Amino acid sequence: MIEPITTKLAGVTFGDCQDNIKEWGCIDTGTYAVVREHNNKHDSNAVKVSLYGMFTMGYLPRHIAAIMAPLMDAGRNFLAEFICRNEYAPYENVGLTVRIVETQ
């Protein structure tokens, strides 16, 4: 088991991520799926954080994805726990901080 990793998600301004974070980025949601994206054209180690496999919240930063991707490719499983939604006035964009933990 690896130690939990706390991180802000990357890619939160793409697609529907902003709407999804505003809707589902809360303590009541609790946890999110950590999904390996083998065919991501921007990063061969891409790891997405999503809710119900339908709502993308963002991606693990490259330096963390580079660690996580080989572990996931070897069959290890992880989930993302909600830590906080990042909101800073006067900025309109929001972000999400999660803790990545290994599951058994």
PDB file of N, CA and C in Angstrom:
ATOM      1  N   MET A   1       0.851  -1.186   0.000  1.00  0.00           N
ATOM      2  CA  MET A   1       0.000   0.000   0.000  1.00  0.00           C
ATOM      3  C   MET A   1       0.895   1.247   0.000  1.00  0.00           C
ATOM      4  N   ILE A   2       0.533   2.196  -0.860  1.00  0.00           N
ATOM      5  CA  ILE A   2       1.268   3.454  -0.867  1.00  0.00           C
ATOM      6  C   ILE A   2       0.586   4.421   0.097  1.00  0.00           C
ATOM      7  N   GLU A   3       1.342   5.391   0.542  1.00  0.00           N
ATOM      8  CA  GLU A   3       0.793   6.420   1.419  1.00  0.00           C
ATOM      9  C   GLU A   3      -0.205   7.266   0.625  1.00  0.00           C
ATOM     10  N   PRO A   4      -1.293   7.737   1.264  1.00  0.00           N
ATOM     11  CA  PRO A   4      -2.234   8.619   0.571  1.00  0.00           C
ATOM     12  C   PRO A   4      -1.528   9.868   0.034  1.00  0.00           C
ATOM     13  N   ILE A   5      -1.999  10.345  -1.109  1.00  0.00           N
ATOM     14  CA  ILE A   5      -1.441  11.524  -1.765  1.00  0.00           C
ATOM     15  C   ILE A   5      -2.538  12.576  -1.866  1.00  0.00           C
ATOM     16  N   THR A   6      -2.297  13.747  -1.294  1.00  0.00           N
ATOM     17  CA  THR A   6      -3.243  14.859  -1.397  1.00  0.00           C
ATOM     18  C   THR A   6      -2.780  15.798  -2.497  1.00  0.00           C
ATOM     19  N   THR A   7      -3.709  16.141  -3.406  1.00  0.00           N
ATOM     20  CA  THR A   7      -3.345  16.976  -4.553  1.00  0.00           C
ATOM     21  C   THR A   7      -4.539  17.769  -5.062  1.00  0.00           C
ATOM     22  N   LYS A   8      -4.234  18.904  -5.683  1.00  0.00           N
ATOM     23  CA  LYS A   8      -5.239  19.630  -6.449  1.00  0.00           C
ATOM     24  C   LYS A   8      -5.316  18.970  -7.813  1.00  0.00           C
ATOM     25  N   LEU A   9      -6.518  18.849  -8.362  1.00  0.00           N
ATOM     26  CA  LEU A   9      -6.678  18.268  -9.688  1.00  0.00           C
ATOM     27  C   LEU A   9      -6.249  19.256 -10.769  1.00  0.00           C
ATOM     28  N   ALA A  10      -5.734  18.711 -11.849  1.00  0.00           N
ATOM     29  CA  ALA A  10      -5.364  19.479 -13.039  1.00  0.00           C
ATOM     30  C   ALA A  10      -6.499  19.352 -14.058  1.00  0.00           C
ATOM     31  N   GLY A  11      -6.472  20.185 -15.083  1.00  0.00           N
ATOM     32  CA  GLY A  11      -7.439  20.074 -16.177  1.00  0.00           C
ATOM     33  C   GLY A  11      -8.861  20.413 -15.798  1.00  0.00           C
ATOM     34  N   VAL A  12      -9.046  21.207 -14.737  1.00  0.00           N
ATOM     35  CA  VAL A  12     -10.394  21.485 -14.240  1.00  0.00           C
ATOM     36  C   VAL A  12     -11.157  22.520 -15.059  1.00  0.00           C
ATOM     37  N   THR A  13     -10.503  23.107 -16.071  1.00  0.00           N
ATOM     38  CA  THR A  13     -11.208  24.094 -16.901  1.00  0.00           C
ATOM     39  C   THR A  13     -11.634  23.511 -18.245  1.00  0.00           C
ATOM     40  N   PHE A  14     -11.385  22.230 -18.466  1.00  0.00           N
ATOM     41  CA  PHE A  14     -11.738  21.584 -19.728  1.00  0.00           C
ATOM     42  C   PHE A  14     -13.092  20.901 -19.638  1.00  0.00           C
ATOM     43  N   GLY A  15     -13.761  20.837 -20.795  1.00  0.00           N
ATOM     44  CA  GLY A  15     -15.032  20.120 -20.873  1.00  0.00           C
ATOM     45  C   GLY A  15     -16.034  20.627 -19.856  1.00  0.00           C
ATOM     46  N   ASP A  16     -16.683  19.683 -19.179  1.00  0.00           N
ATOM     47  CA  ASP A  16     -17.714  20.002 -18.183  1.00  0.00           C
ATOM     48  C   ASP A  16     -17.170  20.033 -16.760  1.00  0.00           C
ATOM     49  N   CYS A  17     -15.859  20.017 -16.595  1.00  0.00           N
ATOM     50  CA  CYS A  17     -15.275  19.926 -15.252  1.00  0.00           C
ATOM     51  C   CYS A  17     -15.762  21.036 -14.319  1.00  0.00           C
ATOM     52  N   GLN A  18     -15.831  22.267 -14.801  1.00  0.00           N
ATOM     53  CA  GLN A  18     -16.271  23.362 -13.930  1.00  0.00           C
ATOM     54  C   GLN A  18     -17.688  23.122 -13.416  1.00  0.00           C
ATOM     55  N   ASP A  19     -18.602  22.770 -14.309  1.00  0.00           N
ATOM     56  CA  ASP A  19     -19.977  22.475 -13.895  1.00  0.00           C
ATOM     57  C   ASP A  19     -20.025  21.283 -12.950  1.00  0.00           C
ATOM     58  N   ASN A  20     -19.230  20.249 -13.244  1.00  0.00           N
ATOM     59  CA  ASN A  20     -19.232  19.052 -12.408  1.00  0.00           C
ATOM     60  C   ASN A  20     -18.691  19.334 -11.007  1.00  0.00           C
ATOM     61  N   ILE A  21     -17.631  20.133 -10.926  1.00  0.00           N
ATOM     62  CA  ILE A  21     -17.085  20.467  -9.608  1.00  0.00           C
ATOM     63  C   ILE A  21     -18.084  21.300  -8.813  1.00  0.00           C
ATOM     64  N   LYS A  22     -18.730  22.244  -9.480  1.00  0.00           N
ATOM     65  CA  LYS A  22     -19.722  23.075  -8.787  1.00  0.00           C
ATOM     66  C   LYS A  22     -20.896  22.236  -8.293  1.00  0.00           C
ATOM     67  N   GLU A  23     -21.269  21.211  -9.051  1.00  0.00           N
ATOM     68  CA  GLU A  23     -22.398  20.352  -8.676  1.00  0.00           C
ATOM     69  C   GLU A  23     -22.002  19.261  -7.682  1.00  0.00           C
ATOM     70  N   TRP A  24     -20.865  18.598  -7.916  1.00  0.00           N
ATOM     71  CA  TRP A  24     -20.504  17.390  -7.173  1.00  0.00           C
ATOM     72  C   TRP A  24     -19.253  17.533  -6.308  1.00  0.00           C
ATOM     73  N   GLY A  25     -18.635  18.702  -6.304  1.00  0.00           N
ATOM     74  CA  GLY A  25     -17.429  18.903  -5.502  1.00  0.00           C
ATOM     75  C   GLY A  25     -17.778  19.335  -4.092  1.00  0.00           C
ATOM     76  N   CYS A  26     -18.280  18.379  -3.300  1.00  0.00           N
ATOM     77  CA  CYS A  26     -18.712  18.699  -1.936  1.00  0.00           C
ATOM     78  C   CYS A  26     -18.504  17.499  -1.022  1.00  0.00           C
ATOM     79  N   ILE A  27     -18.500  17.759   0.260  1.00  0.00           N
ATOM     80  CA  ILE A  27     -18.255  16.720   1.256  1.00  0.00           C
ATOM     81  C   ILE A  27     -19.296  15.605   1.168  1.00  0.00           C
ATOM     82  N   ASP A  28     -20.520  15.932   0.791  1.00  0.00           N
ATOM     83  CA  ASP A  28     -21.578  14.923   0.704  1.00  0.00           C
ATOM     84  C   ASP A  28     -21.291  13.868  -0.359  1.00  0.00           C
ATOM     85  N   THR A  29     -20.541  14.235  -1.386  1.00  0.00           N
ATOM     86  CA  THR A  29     -20.194  13.275  -2.435  1.00  0.00           C
ATOM     87  C   THR A  29     -19.237  12.231  -1.886  1.00  0.00           C
ATOM     88  N   GLY A  30     -18.278  12.645  -1.093  1.00  0.00           N
ATOM     89  CA  GLY A  30     -17.389  11.708  -0.420  1.00  0.00           C
ATOM     90  C   GLY A  30     -16.212  11.222  -1.233  1.00  0.00           C
ATOM     91  N   THR A  31     -16.457  10.325  -2.190  1.00  0.00           N
ATOM     92  CA  THR A  31     -15.352   9.752  -2.967  1.00  0.00           C
ATOM     93  C   THR A  31     -15.653   9.771  -4.462  1.00  0.00           C
ATOM     94  N   TYR A  32     -14.565   9.663  -5.223  1.00  0.00           N
ATOM     95  CA  TYR A  32     -14.637   9.661  -6.677  1.00  0.00           C
ATOM     96  C   TYR A  32     -13.825   8.487  -7.206  1.00  0.00           C
ATOM     97  N   ALA A  33     -14.151   8.069  -8.419  1.00  0.00           N
ATOM     98  CA  ALA A  33     -13.387   7.011  -9.081  1.00  0.00           C
ATOM     99  C   ALA A  33     -12.080   7.580  -9.621  1.00  0.00           C
ATOM    100  N   VAL A  34     -11.046   6.763  -9.589  1.00  0.00           N
ATOM    101  CA  VAL A  34      -9.752   7.100 -10.175  1.00  0.00           C
ATOM    102  C   VAL A  34      -9.600   6.167 -11.372  1.00  0.00           C
ATOM    103  N   VAL A  35      -9.616   6.729 -12.582  1.00  0.00           N
ATOM    104  CA  VAL A  35      -9.743   5.956 -13.814  1.00  0.00           C
ATOM    105  C   VAL A  35      -8.519   6.183 -14.710  1.00  0.00           C
ATOM    106  N   ARG A  36      -7.894   5.097 -15.097  1.00  0.00           N
ATOM    107  CA  ARG A  36      -6.739   5.157 -15.998  1.00  0.00           C
ATOM    108  C   ARG A  36      -7.227   5.435 -17.413  1.00  0.00           C
ATOM    109  N   GLU A  37      -6.626   6.398 -18.099  1.00  0.00           N
ATOM    110  CA  GLU A  37      -6.971   6.721 -19.487  1.00  0.00           C
ATOM    111  C   GLU A  37      -5.796   6.365 -20.390  1.00  0.00           C
ATOM    112  N   HIS A  38      -5.735   5.130 -20.827  1.00  0.00           N
ATOM    113  CA  HIS A  38      -4.628   4.637 -21.644  1.00  0.00           C
ATOM    114  C   HIS A  38      -4.503   5.366 -22.979  1.00  0.00           C
ATOM    115  N   ASN A  39      -5.612   5.789 -23.554  1.00  0.00           N
ATOM    116  CA  ASN A  39      -5.601   6.381 -24.899  1.00  0.00           C
ATOM    117  C   ASN A  39      -5.638   7.907 -24.896  1.00  0.00           C
ATOM    118  N   ASN A  40      -5.262   8.523 -23.801  1.00  0.00           N
ATOM    119  CA  ASN A  40      -5.259   9.979 -23.733  1.00  0.00           C
ATOM    120  C   ASN A  40      -4.122  10.513 -24.610  1.00  0.00           C
ATOM    121  N   LYS A  41      -4.451  11.334 -25.606  1.00  0.00           N
ATOM    122  CA  LYS A  41      -3.454  11.808 -26.566  1.00  0.00           C
ATOM    123  C   LYS A  41      -2.514  12.864 -25.985  1.00  0.00           C
ATOM    124  N   HIS A  42      -2.859  13.436 -24.834  1.00  0.00           N
ATOM    125  CA  HIS A  42      -2.024  14.469 -24.226  1.00  0.00           C
ATOM    126  C   HIS A  42      -1.038  13.915 -23.204  1.00  0.00           C
ATOM    127  N   ASP A  43      -1.358  12.747 -22.634  1.00  0.00           N
ATOM    128  CA  ASP A  43      -0.497  12.177 -21.591  1.00  0.00           C
ATOM    129  C   ASP A  43      -0.725  10.668 -21.538  1.00  0.00           C
ATOM    130  N   SER A  44       0.303   9.905 -21.863  1.00  0.00           N
ATOM    131  CA  SER A  44       0.176   8.437 -21.866  1.00  0.00           C
ATOM    132  C   SER A  44      -0.013   7.873 -20.462  1.00  0.00           C
ATOM    133  N   ASN A  45       0.236   8.679 -19.433  1.00  0.00           N
ATOM    134  CA  ASN A  45       0.023   8.252 -18.038  1.00  0.00           C
ATOM    135  C   ASN A  45      -1.241   8.857 -17.439  1.00  0.00           C
ATOM    136  N   ALA A  46      -2.128   9.397 -18.250  1.00  0.00           N
ATOM    137  CA  ALA A  46      -3.285  10.134 -17.747  1.00  0.00           C
ATOM    138  C   ALA A  46      -4.134   9.291 -16.799  1.00  0.00           C
ATOM    139  N   VAL A  47      -4.547   9.962 -15.699  1.00  0.00           N
ATOM    140  CA  VAL A  47      -5.442   9.351 -14.717  1.00  0.00           C
ATOM    141  C   VAL A  47      -6.530  10.377 -14.414  1.00  0.00           C
ATOM    142  N   LYS A  48      -7.763   9.993 -14.713  1.00  0.00           N
ATOM    143  CA  LYS A  48      -8.925  10.871 -14.549  1.00  0.00           C
ATOM    144  C   LYS A  48      -9.589  10.604 -13.197  1.00  0.00           C
ATOM    145  N   VAL A  49     -10.153  11.660 -12.616  1.00  0.00           N
ATOM    146  CA  VAL A  49     -10.964  11.537 -11.410  1.00  0.00           C
ATOM    147  C   VAL A  49     -12.391  11.864 -11.825  1.00  0.00           C
ATOM    148  N   SER A  50     -13.318  10.921 -11.575  1.00  0.00           N
ATOM    149  CA  SER A  50     -14.688  11.126 -12.040  1.00  0.00           C
ATOM    150  C   SER A  50     -15.698  10.612 -11.019  1.00  0.00           C
ATOM    151  N   LEU A  51     -16.919  11.022 -11.217  1.00  0.00           N
ATOM    152  CA  LEU A  51     -18.028  10.565 -10.383  1.00  0.00           C
ATOM    153  C   LEU A  51     -18.942   9.710 -11.242  1.00  0.00           C
ATOM    154  N   TYR A  52     -19.230   8.517 -10.767  1.00  0.00           N
ATOM    155  CA  TYR A  52     -20.113   7.570 -11.459  1.00  0.00           C
ATOM    156  C   TYR A  52     -19.622   7.214 -12.859  1.00  0.00           C
ATOM    157  N   GLY A  53     -18.357   7.470 -13.155  1.00  0.00           N
ATOM    158  CA  GLY A  53     -17.817   7.181 -14.467  1.00  0.00           C
ATOM    159  C   GLY A  53     -18.359   8.084 -15.560  1.00  0.00           C
ATOM    160  N   MET A  54     -19.179   9.063 -15.179  1.00  0.00           N
ATOM    161  CA  MET A  54     -19.808   9.943 -16.161  1.00  0.00           C
ATOM    162  C   MET A  54     -19.381  11.390 -16.026  1.00  0.00           C
ATOM    163  N   PHE A  55     -19.082  11.824 -14.815  1.00  0.00           N
ATOM    164  CA  PHE A  55     -18.814  13.236 -14.556  1.00  0.00           C
ATOM    165  C   PHE A  55     -17.333  13.430 -14.247  1.00  0.00           C
ATOM    166  N   THR A  56     -16.587  13.938 -15.216  1.00  0.00           N
ATOM    167  CA  THR A  56     -15.161  14.168 -15.017  1.00  0.00           C
ATOM    168  C   THR A  56     -14.968  15.394 -14.139  1.00  0.00           C
ATOM    169  N   MET A  57     -14.168  15.213 -13.076  1.00  0.00           N
ATOM    170  CA  MET A  57     -13.861  16.299 -12.159  1.00  0.00           C
ATOM    171  C   MET A  57     -12.532  16.953 -12.523  1.00  0.00           C
ATOM    172  N   GLY A  58     -11.625  16.185 -13.116  1.00  0.00           N
ATOM    173  CA  GLY A  58     -10.307  16.669 -13.493  1.00  0.00           C
ATOM    174  C   GLY A  58      -9.352  15.494 -13.595  1.00  0.00           C
ATOM    175  N   TYR A  59      -8.076  15.796 -13.619  1.00  0.00           N
ATOM    176  CA  TYR A  59      -7.032  14.780 -13.785  1.00  0.00           C
ATOM    177  C   TYR A  59      -5.970  14.923 -12.709  1.00  0.00           C
ATOM    178  N   LEU A  60      -5.286  13.830 -12.419  1.00  0.00           N
ATOM    179  CA  LEU A  60      -4.139  13.919 -11.534  1.00  0.00           C
ATOM    180  C   LEU A  60      -3.045  14.700 -12.251  1.00  0.00           C
ATOM    181  N   PRO A  61      -2.329  15.553 -11.542  1.00  0.00           N
ATOM    182  CA  PRO A  61      -1.202  16.261 -12.171  1.00  0.00           C
ATOM    183  C   PRO A  61      -0.212  15.254 -12.753  1.00  0.00           C
ATOM    184  N   ARG A  62       0.482  15.662 -13.818  1.00  0.00           N
ATOM    185  CA  ARG A  62       1.400  14.756 -14.536  1.00  0.00           C
ATOM    186  C   ARG A  62       2.382  14.035 -13.632  1.00  0.00           C
ATOM    187  N   HIS A  63       2.983  14.747 -12.686  1.00  0.00           N
ATOM    188  CA  HIS A  63       3.999  14.119 -11.845  1.00  0.00           C
ATOM    189  C   HIS A  63       3.410  13.042 -10.938  1.00  0.00           C
ATOM    190  N   ILE A  64       2.154  13.187 -10.561  1.00  0.00           N
ATOM    191  CA  ILE A  64       1.493  12.160  -9.750  1.00  0.00           C
ATOM    192  C   ILE A  64       0.987  11.042 -10.647  1.00  0.00           C
ATOM    193  N   ALA A  65       0.440  11.387 -11.810  1.00  0.00           N
ATOM    194  CA  ALA A  65      -0.028  10.372 -12.759  1.00  0.00           C
ATOM    195  C   ALA A  65       1.115   9.459 -13.187  1.00  0.00           C
ATOM    196  N   ALA A  66       2.321  10.009 -13.306  1.00  0.00           N
ATOM    197  CA  ALA A  66       3.486   9.195 -13.694  1.00  0.00           C
ATOM    198  C   ALA A  66       3.794   8.129 -12.649  1.00  0.00           C
ATOM    199  N   ILE A  67       3.453   8.380 -11.407  1.00  0.00           N
ATOM    200  CA  ILE A  67       3.617   7.398 -10.328  1.00  0.00           C
ATOM    201  C   ILE A  67       2.446   6.424 -10.309  1.00  0.00           C
ATOM    202  N   MET A  68       1.241   6.948 -10.445  1.00  0.00           N
ATOM    203  CA  MET A  68       0.026   6.145 -10.297  1.00  0.00           C
ATOM    204  C   MET A  68      -0.244   5.227 -11.483  1.00  0.00           C
ATOM    205  N   ALA A  69       0.020   5.686 -12.700  1.00  0.00           N
ATOM    206  CA  ALA A  69      -0.317   4.913 -13.898  1.00  0.00           C
ATOM    207  C   ALA A  69       0.306   3.517 -13.894  1.00  0.00           C
ATOM    208  N   PRO A  70       1.602   3.363 -13.622  1.00  0.00           N
ATOM    209  CA  PRO A  70       2.169   2.009 -13.609  1.00  0.00           C
ATOM    210  C   PRO A  70       1.562   1.121 -12.521  1.00  0.00           C
ATOM    211  N   LEU A  71       1.209   1.722 -11.391  1.00  0.00           N
ATOM    212  CA  LEU A  71       0.574   0.946 -10.320  1.00  0.00           C
ATOM    213  C   LEU A  71      -0.804   0.463 -10.760  1.00  0.00           C
ATOM    214  N   MET A  72      -1.554   1.344 -11.405  1.00  0.00           N
ATOM    215  CA  MET A  72      -2.884   0.976 -11.899  1.00  0.00           C
ATOM    216  C   MET A  72      -2.777  -0.044 -13.019  1.00  0.00           C
ATOM    217  N   ASP A  73      -1.781   0.113 -13.891  1.00  0.00           N
ATOM    218  CA  ASP A  73      -1.576  -0.847 -14.976  1.00  0.00           C
ATOM    219  C   ASP A  73      -1.234  -2.229 -14.435  1.00  0.00           C
ATOM    220  N   ALA A  74      -0.651  -2.272 -13.240  1.00  0.00           N
ATOM    221  CA  ALA A  74      -0.297  -3.549 -12.603  1.00  0.00           C
ATOM    222  C   ALA A  74      -1.468  -4.132 -11.816  1.00  0.00           C
ATOM    223  N   GLY A  75      -2.633  -3.454 -11.867  1.00  0.00           N
ATOM    224  CA  GLY A  75      -3.830  -4.005 -11.246  1.00  0.00           C
ATOM    225  C   GLY A  75      -4.195  -3.431  -9.888  1.00  0.00           C
ATOM    226  N   ARG A  76      -3.469  -2.438  -9.428  1.00  0.00           N
ATOM    227  CA  ARG A  76      -3.805  -1.831  -8.142  1.00  0.00           C
ATOM    228  C   ARG A  76      -4.931  -0.821  -8.330  1.00  0.00           C
ATOM    229  N   ASN A  77      -5.762  -0.668  -7.297  1.00  0.00           N
ATOM    230  CA  ASN A  77      -6.953   0.174  -7.372  1.00  0.00           C
ATOM    231  C   ASN A  77      -6.871   1.318  -6.373  1.00  0.00           C
ATOM    232  N   PHE A  78      -7.427   2.467  -6.795  1.00  0.00           N
ATOM    233  CA  PHE A  78      -7.383   3.666  -5.980  1.00  0.00           C
ATOM    234  C   PHE A  78      -8.725   4.383  -6.052  1.00  0.00           C
ATOM    235  N   LEU A  79      -8.987   5.229  -5.064  1.00  0.00           N
ATOM    236  CA  LEU A  79     -10.131   6.122  -5.110  1.00  0.00           C
ATOM    237  C   LEU A  79      -9.663   7.484  -4.632  1.00  0.00           C
ATOM    238  N   ALA A  80     -10.460   8.497  -4.924  1.00  0.00           N
ATOM    239  CA  ALA A  80     -10.143   9.869  -4.531  1.00  0.00           C
ATOM    240  C   ALA A  80     -11.167  10.326  -3.504  1.00  0.00           C
ATOM    241  N   GLU A  81     -10.698  10.752  -2.348  1.00  0.00           N
ATOM    242  CA  GLU A  81     -11.570  11.272  -1.302  1.00  0.00           C
ATOM    243  C   GLU A  81     -11.647  12.792  -1.401  1.00  0.00           C
ATOM    244  N   PHE A  82     -12.842  13.323  -1.244  1.00  0.00           N
ATOM    245  CA  PHE A  82     -13.028  14.777  -1.255  1.00  0.00           C
ATOM    246  C   PHE A  82     -12.264  15.395  -0.088  1.00  0.00           C
ATOM    247  N   ILE A  83     -11.499  16.450  -0.364  1.00  0.00           N
ATOM    248  CA  ILE A  83     -10.853  17.243   0.679  1.00  0.00           C
ATOM    249  C   ILE A  83     -11.474  18.638   0.723  1.00  0.00           C
ATOM    250  N   CYS A  84     -11.456  19.349  -0.409  1.00  0.00           N
ATOM    251  CA  CYS A  84     -12.094  20.663  -0.448  1.00  0.00           C
ATOM    252  C   CYS A  84     -12.286  21.123  -1.889  1.00  0.00           C
ATOM    253  N   ARG A  85     -13.250  22.008  -2.042  1.00  0.00           N
ATOM    254  CA  ARG A  85     -13.428  22.698  -3.313  1.00  0.00           C
ATOM    255  C   ARG A  85     -12.647  23.996  -3.207  1.00  0.00           C
ATOM    256  N   ASN A  86     -11.869  24.298  -4.232  1.00  0.00           N
ATOM    257  CA  ASN A  86     -11.011  25.478  -4.223  1.00  0.00           C
ATOM    258  C   ASN A  86     -11.717  26.630  -4.927  1.00  0.00           C
ATOM    259  N   GLU A  87     -12.112  27.610  -4.155  1.00  0.00           N
ATOM    260  CA  GLU A  87     -12.799  28.787  -4.684  1.00  0.00           C
ATOM    261  C   GLU A  87     -12.114  30.030  -4.133  1.00  0.00           C
ATOM    262  N   TYR A  88     -11.721  30.926  -5.027  1.00  0.00           N
ATOM    263  CA  TYR A  88     -11.046  32.138  -4.602  1.00  0.00           C
ATOM    264  C   TYR A  88     -11.639  33.332  -5.343  1.00  0.00           C
ATOM    265  N   ALA A  89     -12.366  34.174  -4.604  1.00  0.00           N
ATOM    266  CA  ALA A  89     -12.892  35.392  -5.209  1.00  0.00           C
ATOM    267  C   ALA A  89     -11.710  36.279  -5.566  1.00  0.00           C
ATOM    268  N   PRO A  90     -11.725  36.982  -6.657  1.00  0.00           N
ATOM    269  CA  PRO A  90     -12.818  37.190  -7.595  1.00  0.00           C
ATOM    270  C   PRO A  90     -12.809  36.230  -8.786  1.00  0.00           C
ATOM    271  N   TYR A  91     -12.060  35.127  -8.718  1.00  0.00           N
ATOM    272  CA  TYR A  91     -11.961  34.204  -9.843  1.00  0.00           C
ATOM    273  C   TYR A  91     -13.238  33.387 -10.000  1.00  0.00           C
ATOM    274  N   GLU A  92     -13.631  33.149 -11.242  1.00  0.00           N
ATOM    275  CA  GLU A  92     -14.835  32.367 -11.522  1.00  0.00           C
ATOM    276  C   GLU A  92     -14.569  30.871 -11.487  1.00  0.00           C
ATOM    277  N   ASN A  93     -13.363  30.449 -11.885  1.00  0.00           N
ATOM    278  CA  ASN A  93     -13.048  29.016 -11.943  1.00  0.00           C
ATOM    279  C   ASN A  93     -12.889  28.436 -10.546  1.00  0.00           C
ATOM    280  N   VAL A  94     -13.333  27.199 -10.422  1.00  0.00           N
ATOM    281  CA  VAL A  94     -13.179  26.460  -9.171  1.00  0.00           C
ATOM    282  C   VAL A  94     -12.283  25.260  -9.427  1.00  0.00           C
ATOM    283  N   GLY A  95     -11.731  24.728  -8.366  1.00  0.00           N
ATOM    284  CA  GLY A  95     -10.900  23.541  -8.456  1.00  0.00           C
ATOM    285  C   GLY A  95     -11.305  22.536  -7.396  1.00  0.00           C
ATOM    286  N   LEU A  96     -10.579  21.446  -7.328  1.00  0.00           N
ATOM    287  CA  LEU A  96     -10.902  20.402  -6.372  1.00  0.00           C
ATOM    288  C   LEU A  96      -9.621  19.803  -5.819  1.00  0.00           C
ATOM    289  N   THR A  97      -9.552  19.656  -4.512  1.00  0.00           N
ATOM    290  CA  THR A  97      -8.444  18.979  -3.862  1.00  0.00           C
ATOM    291  C   THR A  97      -8.951  17.642  -3.347  1.00  0.00           C
ATOM    292  N   VAL A  98      -8.202  16.588  -3.651  1.00  0.00           N
ATOM    293  CA  VAL A  98      -8.587  15.234  -3.250  1.00  0.00           C
ATOM    294  C   VAL A  98      -7.404  14.523  -2.601  1.00  0.00           C
ATOM    295  N   ARG A  99      -7.712  13.436  -1.901  1.00  0.00           N
ATOM    296  CA  ARG A  99      -6.694  12.549  -1.357  1.00  0.00           C
ATOM    297  C   ARG A  99      -6.826  11.213  -2.075  1.00  0.00           C
ATOM    298  N   ILE A 100      -5.754  10.777  -2.723  1.00  0.00           N
ATOM    299  CA  ILE A 100      -5.753   9.506  -3.445  1.00  0.00           C
ATOM    300  C   ILE A 100      -5.337   8.406  -2.460  1.00  0.00           C
ATOM    301  N   VAL A 101      -6.195   7.396  -2.314  1.00  0.00           N
ATOM    302  CA  VAL A 101      -5.916   6.291  -1.401  1.00  0.00           C
ATOM    303  C   VAL A 101      -6.073   4.974  -2.145  1.00  0.00           C
ATOM    304  N   GLU A 102      -5.263   4.009  -1.765  1.00  0.00           N
ATOM    305  CA  GLU A 102      -5.331   2.674  -2.370  1.00  0.00           C
ATOM    306  C   GLU A 102      -6.437   1.878  -1.699  1.00  0.00           C
ATOM    307  N   THR A 103      -7.165   1.119  -2.508  1.00  0.00           N
ATOM    308  CA  THR A 103      -8.210   0.242  -1.995  1.00  0.00           C
ATOM    309  C   THR A 103      -7.767  -1.204  -2.169  1.00  0.00           C
ATOM    310  N   GLN A 104      -8.427  -2.078  -1.447  1.00  0.00           N
ATOM    311  CA  GLN A 104      -8.064  -3.504  -1.549  1.00  0.00           C
ATOM    312  C   GLN A 104      -9.183  -4.297  -2.158  1.00  0.00           C
TER     313      GLN A 104
END
